[in-house]
N, C-alpha and C. Protein backbone atom coordinates (compact mmCIF):
# COMPACT_ATOMS: atom_id res chain seq x y z
N MET A 1 -169.54 -75.92 31.37
CA MET A 1 -170.75 -76.48 30.88
C MET A 1 -170.21 -77.78 31.77
N ALA A 2 -171.70 -78.43 31.69
CA ALA A 2 -172.09 -79.94 33.30
C ALA A 2 -171.31 -80.63 32.61
N ASN A 3 -171.12 -81.15 33.43
CA ASN A 3 -170.29 -82.37 33.74
C ASN A 3 -171.24 -83.60 33.40
N ASP A 4 -170.97 -84.86 33.53
CA ASP A 4 -171.92 -85.78 33.75
C ASP A 4 -172.03 -85.64 34.82
N GLU A 5 -171.83 -86.07 35.78
CA GLU A 5 -171.87 -86.25 37.75
C GLU A 5 -172.83 -84.72 37.39
N GLN A 6 -173.00 -83.52 37.42
CA GLN A 6 -173.64 -82.45 38.02
C GLN A 6 -174.96 -82.74 37.11
N LEU A 7 -174.89 -83.73 35.30
CA LEU A 7 -176.36 -83.90 34.86
C LEU A 7 -177.43 -85.03 35.81
N ASN A 8 -176.27 -86.62 36.05
CA ASN A 8 -177.15 -86.90 37.11
C ASN A 8 -177.39 -86.89 38.36
N GLN A 9 -177.01 -85.21 38.75
CA GLN A 9 -177.50 -85.17 40.45
C GLN A 9 -178.66 -83.82 40.48
N TRP A 10 -178.42 -83.21 38.87
CA TRP A 10 -179.97 -82.19 38.61
C TRP A 10 -180.92 -83.34 38.40
N PHE A 11 -180.80 -84.25 38.00
CA PHE A 11 -182.01 -84.83 37.30
C PHE A 11 -182.29 -86.23 37.83
N SER A 12 -181.93 -86.96 38.98
CA SER A 12 -181.86 -87.89 39.89
C SER A 12 -183.13 -88.30 40.83
N ILE A 13 -183.44 -86.44 41.42
CA ILE A 13 -184.47 -85.98 41.80
C ILE A 13 -185.82 -85.72 41.51
N PRO A 14 -186.66 -86.94 42.05
CA PRO A 14 -188.08 -86.96 41.26
C PRO A 14 -188.63 -85.29 41.69
N SER A 15 -188.35 -84.62 42.64
CA SER A 15 -189.10 -84.35 42.69
C SER A 15 -188.78 -82.07 42.25
N ASN A 16 -187.60 -82.75 41.37
CA ASN A 16 -186.78 -81.43 41.05
C ASN A 16 -187.88 -81.43 39.74
N HIS A 17 -187.93 -80.05 38.85
CA HIS A 17 -188.25 -79.90 38.34
C HIS A 17 -187.41 -78.79 37.21
N ASN A 18 -186.75 -79.53 36.57
CA ASN A 18 -185.78 -79.16 35.56
C ASN A 18 -186.33 -78.99 34.36
N ASN A 19 -185.92 -77.76 34.25
CA ASN A 19 -185.60 -77.72 32.86
C ASN A 19 -184.68 -77.78 31.82
N VAL A 20 -184.66 -77.69 30.67
CA VAL A 20 -183.10 -77.58 29.62
C VAL A 20 -182.78 -76.99 29.31
N GLY A 21 -181.58 -76.39 28.99
CA GLY A 21 -181.73 -74.91 28.58
C GLY A 21 -180.60 -75.43 27.55
N ILE A 22 -180.66 -74.71 25.93
CA ILE A 22 -179.55 -74.87 25.56
C ILE A 22 -178.80 -74.03 24.67
N ILE A 23 -177.85 -73.59 25.15
CA ILE A 23 -176.40 -72.85 24.71
C ILE A 23 -176.55 -72.26 22.71
N THR A 24 -177.27 -70.94 22.92
CA THR A 24 -176.78 -70.63 21.09
C THR A 24 -175.48 -70.48 20.45
N GLY A 25 -175.39 -70.40 19.91
CA GLY A 25 -173.88 -70.31 19.33
C GLY A 25 -173.06 -71.12 19.02
N ALA A 26 -171.58 -70.82 18.97
CA ALA A 26 -170.48 -71.49 18.45
C ALA A 26 -170.04 -72.40 19.26
N VAL A 27 -170.54 -72.44 20.87
CA VAL A 27 -170.24 -73.83 21.57
C VAL A 27 -171.26 -75.09 21.28
N SER A 28 -172.53 -74.45 20.59
CA SER A 28 -173.19 -75.98 21.18
C SER A 28 -173.45 -75.29 19.08
N LYS A 29 -172.96 -74.92 17.99
CA LYS A 29 -173.20 -75.29 17.06
C LYS A 29 -174.74 -74.84 16.24
N ILE A 30 -175.50 -74.70 16.31
CA ILE A 30 -176.81 -74.34 16.20
C ILE A 30 -177.02 -72.59 16.72
N LEU A 31 -177.91 -72.13 15.60
CA LEU A 31 -178.33 -71.14 15.94
C LEU A 31 -180.38 -71.23 15.93
N VAL A 32 -180.50 -70.53 16.09
CA VAL A 32 -182.43 -71.09 16.42
C VAL A 32 -182.92 -69.40 16.31
N ILE A 33 -183.88 -70.07 14.60
CA ILE A 33 -185.13 -68.50 14.14
C ILE A 33 -186.61 -69.00 15.95
N ASP A 34 -186.21 -67.91 16.58
CA ASP A 34 -187.07 -68.02 17.49
C ASP A 34 -188.82 -67.36 16.92
N ILE A 35 -189.27 -67.63 16.18
CA ILE A 35 -190.84 -67.18 15.90
C ILE A 35 -191.30 -66.65 17.04
N ASP A 36 -191.78 -65.48 17.34
CA ASP A 36 -193.10 -65.23 19.08
C ASP A 36 -194.18 -64.75 18.68
N GLY A 37 -195.42 -64.99 19.22
CA GLY A 37 -196.61 -64.40 19.02
C GLY A 37 -197.41 -64.75 17.40
N GLN A 38 -198.33 -64.81 17.53
CA GLN A 38 -199.16 -65.47 16.27
C GLN A 38 -198.92 -64.63 15.34
N GLU A 39 -198.61 -62.95 15.08
CA GLU A 39 -198.64 -62.09 13.99
C GLU A 39 -197.62 -62.61 13.60
N ALA A 40 -196.06 -62.96 14.21
CA ALA A 40 -194.77 -63.40 13.52
C ALA A 40 -194.85 -64.81 13.14
N GLN A 41 -195.95 -65.49 13.58
CA GLN A 41 -196.63 -67.15 12.53
C GLN A 41 -195.99 -66.44 11.82
N GLU A 42 -198.04 -65.99 11.31
CA GLU A 42 -198.30 -65.30 9.90
C GLU A 42 -197.46 -65.17 9.38
N ARG A 43 -196.65 -64.70 9.91
CA ARG A 43 -195.56 -63.31 8.86
C ARG A 43 -194.67 -64.50 8.32
N PHE A 44 -194.08 -65.79 8.95
CA PHE A 44 -193.38 -66.76 8.46
C PHE A 44 -193.06 -67.52 7.46
N HIS A 45 -194.86 -67.95 7.80
CA HIS A 45 -195.26 -69.02 6.66
C HIS A 45 -195.57 -68.43 6.02
N LYS A 46 -195.95 -66.69 5.59
CA LYS A 46 -196.05 -66.24 4.07
C LYS A 46 -194.82 -66.73 3.77
N LYS A 47 -194.42 -65.34 3.79
CA LYS A 47 -192.45 -65.99 2.91
C LYS A 47 -192.37 -67.34 2.60
N ILE A 48 -192.19 -68.42 3.57
CA ILE A 48 -192.48 -69.78 3.24
C ILE A 48 -192.88 -70.27 2.29
N LYS A 49 -194.26 -69.12 2.48
CA LYS A 49 -194.60 -70.34 0.85
C LYS A 49 -194.45 -68.82 -0.62
N GLU A 50 -194.07 -68.21 0.09
CA GLU A 50 -193.45 -67.35 -1.24
C GLU A 50 -191.77 -68.03 -2.17
N ILE A 51 -191.37 -68.79 -1.60
CA ILE A 51 -189.90 -69.49 -1.90
C ILE A 51 -190.06 -70.43 -3.36
N GLN A 52 -190.09 -70.05 -4.24
CA GLN A 52 -189.39 -70.82 -5.34
C GLN A 52 -189.02 -72.17 -5.41
N ASP A 53 -187.68 -72.54 -4.49
CA ASP A 53 -187.47 -73.13 -4.69
C ASP A 53 -187.22 -74.24 -4.08
N LYS A 54 -187.49 -75.52 -4.65
CA LYS A 54 -187.90 -76.90 -3.75
C LYS A 54 -186.89 -76.64 -2.91
N GLU A 55 -185.17 -77.41 -2.71
CA GLU A 55 -184.47 -77.98 -2.31
C GLU A 55 -184.78 -77.16 -1.11
N ILE A 56 -185.13 -75.62 -0.73
CA ILE A 56 -184.97 -75.17 0.21
C ILE A 56 -185.71 -75.15 0.78
N LEU A 57 -186.92 -75.68 0.66
CA LEU A 57 -188.26 -75.88 1.30
C LEU A 57 -188.64 -76.73 1.38
N THR A 58 -187.90 -77.62 1.65
CA THR A 58 -187.85 -79.34 1.43
C THR A 58 -186.81 -79.74 3.05
N THR A 59 -185.44 -78.55 2.87
CA THR A 59 -184.43 -77.81 4.13
C THR A 59 -185.71 -77.75 5.36
N ILE A 60 -186.88 -76.33 5.06
CA ILE A 60 -187.15 -75.71 6.11
C ILE A 60 -187.94 -76.59 6.29
N ASN A 61 -188.66 -77.91 5.76
CA ASN A 61 -189.72 -78.93 6.63
C ASN A 61 -189.40 -79.86 6.91
N ARG A 62 -188.14 -79.95 6.92
CA ARG A 62 -187.93 -80.69 7.73
C ARG A 62 -186.38 -80.64 8.44
N THR A 63 -186.18 -79.92 8.94
CA THR A 63 -185.31 -78.70 9.90
C THR A 63 -186.30 -79.00 11.43
N MET A 64 -185.45 -79.41 11.78
CA MET A 64 -185.81 -79.51 13.68
C MET A 64 -186.58 -78.31 13.93
N LYS A 65 -187.49 -78.85 14.93
CA LYS A 65 -188.77 -77.18 15.05
C LYS A 65 -189.42 -78.69 16.70
N ILE A 66 -189.09 -76.74 17.18
CA ILE A 66 -189.38 -77.22 18.75
C ILE A 66 -190.92 -75.79 19.08
N LYS A 67 -191.93 -76.70 20.18
CA LYS A 67 -192.81 -75.77 20.29
C LYS A 67 -192.59 -75.60 21.10
N THR A 68 -192.91 -74.24 22.11
CA THR A 68 -192.45 -74.14 23.65
C THR A 68 -193.48 -73.72 23.73
N GLY A 69 -193.38 -73.63 25.11
CA GLY A 69 -194.72 -74.76 25.93
C GLY A 69 -196.04 -72.69 26.15
N SER A 70 -195.33 -72.01 25.32
CA SER A 70 -196.47 -70.82 25.58
C SER A 70 -196.79 -70.14 24.01
N GLY A 71 -196.43 -71.75 23.30
CA GLY A 71 -196.79 -72.39 21.88
C GLY A 71 -196.33 -71.15 20.36
N ASN A 72 -195.35 -70.97 20.99
CA ASN A 72 -194.50 -69.94 20.13
C ASN A 72 -193.79 -71.24 19.02
N ILE A 73 -192.67 -70.63 18.29
CA ILE A 73 -191.73 -71.55 17.42
C ILE A 73 -190.80 -71.57 17.56
N ASN A 74 -189.43 -72.28 17.73
CA ASN A 74 -187.94 -72.47 18.03
C ASN A 74 -187.55 -73.13 16.80
N ILE A 75 -187.23 -72.78 15.50
CA ILE A 75 -186.51 -73.71 14.64
C ILE A 75 -184.36 -73.57 14.36
N VAL A 76 -183.87 -75.32 15.11
CA VAL A 76 -182.87 -74.41 15.12
C VAL A 76 -181.95 -75.39 14.02
N ILE A 77 -181.75 -74.59 13.27
CA ILE A 77 -180.59 -75.10 12.46
C ILE A 77 -178.51 -75.31 13.07
N GLY A 78 -178.16 -76.19 12.92
CA GLY A 78 -176.40 -76.41 12.60
C GLY A 78 -175.95 -75.34 11.74
N PHE A 79 -175.04 -75.05 12.69
CA PHE A 79 -174.10 -74.46 11.48
C PHE A 79 -172.26 -75.21 11.76
N ASN A 80 -171.43 -74.59 10.97
CA ASN A 80 -170.05 -74.73 10.54
C ASN A 80 -170.08 -73.11 11.87
N PRO A 81 -169.23 -72.86 12.66
CA PRO A 81 -168.57 -71.88 13.51
C PRO A 81 -167.51 -71.46 13.09
N LYS A 82 -167.10 -72.69 12.14
CA LYS A 82 -165.82 -72.35 11.41
C LYS A 82 -165.55 -71.03 10.05
N GLU A 83 -167.10 -71.38 9.10
CA GLU A 83 -167.46 -70.47 8.13
C GLU A 83 -167.22 -68.89 9.02
N PHE A 84 -167.65 -68.68 9.91
CA PHE A 84 -168.08 -67.74 10.33
C PHE A 84 -167.07 -66.82 10.90
N ASP A 85 -165.49 -67.39 10.85
CA ASP A 85 -164.44 -66.60 12.56
C ASP A 85 -164.15 -65.50 11.57
N LYS A 86 -164.19 -64.98 10.37
CA LYS A 86 -164.30 -64.26 10.59
C LYS A 86 -164.81 -62.58 10.00
N ASN A 87 -166.05 -63.20 10.59
CA ASN A 87 -167.07 -62.32 10.46
C ASN A 87 -168.53 -62.95 11.65
N LYS A 88 -168.02 -62.69 13.49
CA LYS A 88 -168.38 -63.17 14.14
C LYS A 88 -169.88 -62.69 14.90
N GLU A 89 -169.94 -61.62 14.22
CA GLU A 89 -171.57 -60.45 14.06
C GLU A 89 -172.34 -61.47 13.32
N GLU A 90 -172.10 -61.77 12.60
CA GLU A 90 -173.32 -62.49 11.64
C GLU A 90 -174.02 -63.96 12.48
N THR A 91 -173.25 -64.05 13.94
CA THR A 91 -174.24 -65.27 14.62
C THR A 91 -174.61 -64.83 16.61
N LYS A 92 -174.89 -63.05 16.02
CA LYS A 92 -175.11 -62.39 17.09
C LYS A 92 -176.64 -62.90 17.03
N ASN A 93 -177.40 -62.61 18.64
CA ASN A 93 -178.57 -62.39 18.41
C ASN A 93 -178.62 -61.52 18.66
N ARG A 94 -179.90 -61.28 17.59
CA ARG A 94 -180.84 -60.23 16.94
C ARG A 94 -182.18 -60.28 16.40
N ILE A 95 -182.94 -59.92 16.42
CA ILE A 95 -184.17 -58.93 15.88
C ILE A 95 -184.48 -59.67 14.79
N LEU A 96 -184.92 -60.01 13.85
CA LEU A 96 -185.42 -59.64 12.19
C LEU A 96 -186.41 -59.11 11.63
N TRP A 97 -187.78 -59.12 12.32
CA TRP A 97 -188.78 -58.07 12.76
C TRP A 97 -189.79 -58.37 13.68
N LYS A 98 -189.86 -57.70 13.69
CA LYS A 98 -191.73 -56.42 15.09
C LYS A 98 -192.81 -56.35 14.43
N GLY A 99 -193.36 -56.76 15.61
CA GLY A 99 -194.68 -56.75 14.94
C GLY A 99 -195.38 -55.90 15.51
N ASN A 100 -196.28 -54.86 14.85
CA ASN A 100 -197.23 -54.49 16.06
C ASN A 100 -198.31 -54.54 16.09
N GLU A 101 -198.51 -55.86 16.67
CA GLU A 101 -200.06 -56.25 17.78
C GLU A 101 -199.55 -56.20 19.17
N GLU A 102 -200.10 -55.81 20.00
CA GLU A 102 -199.97 -55.74 21.30
C GLU A 102 -199.74 -56.42 22.25
N GLY A 103 -198.70 -56.55 22.96
CA GLY A 103 -197.86 -57.57 23.43
C GLY A 103 -196.39 -57.88 22.38
N HIS A 104 -196.00 -59.03 22.99
CA HIS A 104 -194.40 -59.89 22.12
C HIS A 104 -195.10 -60.44 21.21
N SER A 105 -194.98 -59.67 19.83
CA SER A 105 -194.95 -60.53 17.91
C SER A 105 -193.17 -60.31 17.62
N GLU A 106 -192.05 -61.18 17.69
CA GLU A 106 -191.20 -61.20 16.61
C GLU A 106 -190.55 -61.98 16.30
N ILE A 107 -189.68 -62.61 15.62
CA ILE A 107 -189.02 -63.61 15.00
C ILE A 107 -187.30 -62.62 15.02
N ARG A 108 -187.23 -63.69 16.09
CA ARG A 108 -185.31 -63.27 16.66
C ARG A 108 -184.28 -64.47 16.21
N VAL A 109 -183.50 -63.86 15.77
CA VAL A 109 -182.58 -65.12 15.26
C VAL A 109 -181.68 -65.10 17.08
N LYS A 110 -180.97 -66.63 17.57
CA LYS A 110 -180.27 -66.52 18.52
C LYS A 110 -179.00 -67.60 19.13
N GLY A 111 -178.29 -66.43 18.91
CA GLY A 111 -176.51 -67.16 18.23
C GLY A 111 -175.91 -66.61 19.62
N GLU A 112 -174.92 -65.86 19.00
CA GLU A 112 -173.93 -66.14 20.05
C GLU A 112 -174.81 -65.65 21.87
N GLY A 113 -174.21 -65.63 23.14
CA GLY A 113 -174.56 -64.71 23.78
C GLY A 113 -176.70 -65.50 24.10
N GLY A 114 -176.73 -66.37 23.45
CA GLY A 114 -178.22 -66.45 22.75
C GLY A 114 -178.23 -67.56 24.22
N TYR A 115 -179.81 -68.35 24.53
CA TYR A 115 -179.61 -69.31 24.53
C TYR A 115 -181.50 -70.23 24.71
N VAL A 116 -182.01 -71.00 24.41
CA VAL A 116 -182.91 -71.40 24.45
C VAL A 116 -183.76 -73.13 24.79
N VAL A 117 -184.79 -73.05 25.42
CA VAL A 117 -184.94 -73.76 26.19
C VAL A 117 -186.21 -74.88 25.20
N ALA A 118 -185.80 -75.72 25.63
CA ALA A 118 -185.50 -77.50 24.94
C ALA A 118 -186.86 -78.66 25.41
N PRO A 119 -187.05 -78.51 24.57
CA PRO A 119 -188.21 -80.56 25.22
C PRO A 119 -186.93 -81.44 26.05
N PRO A 120 -187.72 -81.84 27.22
CA PRO A 120 -189.12 -82.13 27.56
C PRO A 120 -189.59 -81.37 28.99
N SER A 121 -188.52 -79.53 29.11
CA SER A 121 -189.19 -78.74 30.04
C SER A 121 -190.36 -78.46 30.17
N ILE A 122 -191.15 -77.74 31.43
CA ILE A 122 -191.88 -77.33 31.50
C ILE A 122 -191.72 -75.88 31.78
N HIS A 123 -192.96 -74.75 30.77
CA HIS A 123 -193.55 -73.11 30.48
C HIS A 123 -193.07 -73.62 31.73
N PRO A 124 -193.97 -72.02 32.73
CA PRO A 124 -193.93 -71.67 34.13
C PRO A 124 -195.61 -71.22 34.21
N ASN A 125 -196.35 -71.60 32.15
CA ASN A 125 -197.91 -71.54 32.21
C ASN A 125 -197.90 -73.68 32.89
N GLY A 126 -197.16 -74.38 32.53
CA GLY A 126 -197.37 -76.18 32.95
C GLY A 126 -197.59 -76.71 31.79
N ASN A 127 -196.74 -76.11 30.72
CA ASN A 127 -197.10 -76.23 29.10
C ASN A 127 -196.21 -77.25 28.82
N LYS A 128 -196.09 -78.30 28.35
CA LYS A 128 -194.40 -78.44 27.98
C LYS A 128 -193.91 -78.20 26.74
N TYR A 129 -192.98 -78.35 26.36
CA TYR A 129 -191.60 -78.09 25.50
C TYR A 129 -191.79 -79.52 24.18
N GLU A 130 -191.90 -79.41 23.89
CA GLU A 130 -191.98 -80.99 22.25
C GLU A 130 -191.26 -80.39 21.46
N LEU A 131 -191.32 -81.32 20.33
CA LEU A 131 -190.90 -81.18 19.20
C LEU A 131 -190.86 -81.27 18.28
N ILE A 132 -190.41 -80.95 17.53
CA ILE A 132 -192.60 -80.64 16.45
C ILE A 132 -191.37 -82.04 15.17
N ASN A 133 -190.59 -81.40 14.58
CA ASN A 133 -189.87 -82.67 14.17
C ASN A 133 -188.90 -82.24 14.21
N GLY A 134 -187.57 -83.52 13.03
CA GLY A 134 -186.51 -82.65 13.13
C GLY A 134 -185.45 -84.60 14.36
């Protein structure tokens, strides 16, 4: 992990275009649902609309979401690593769904061994990572 001195050094030079990465899993106490591609986004939103429990819907709608530089969505979920002490497999990276469309379309959980890029980072295509809510 970077300390304050390293962070100040990295971000004090204006010509540096440093991006921000967040390690997922127990160290950060977050898991991320990474929704990549139009087909994946449509599938996710369809499944959300099928949920009948208003409390779950409210929670999902209020959970932190990041729009990536490529236009995808990352949903950031906090968790208590101690609740998974007996089964760390539950918090590892894994693909939940993979689409049929040309290119990259999937819904993935990023946990132990993963990371996400976060705002105010800039994607190689020039687009900014943006906080949607949260």
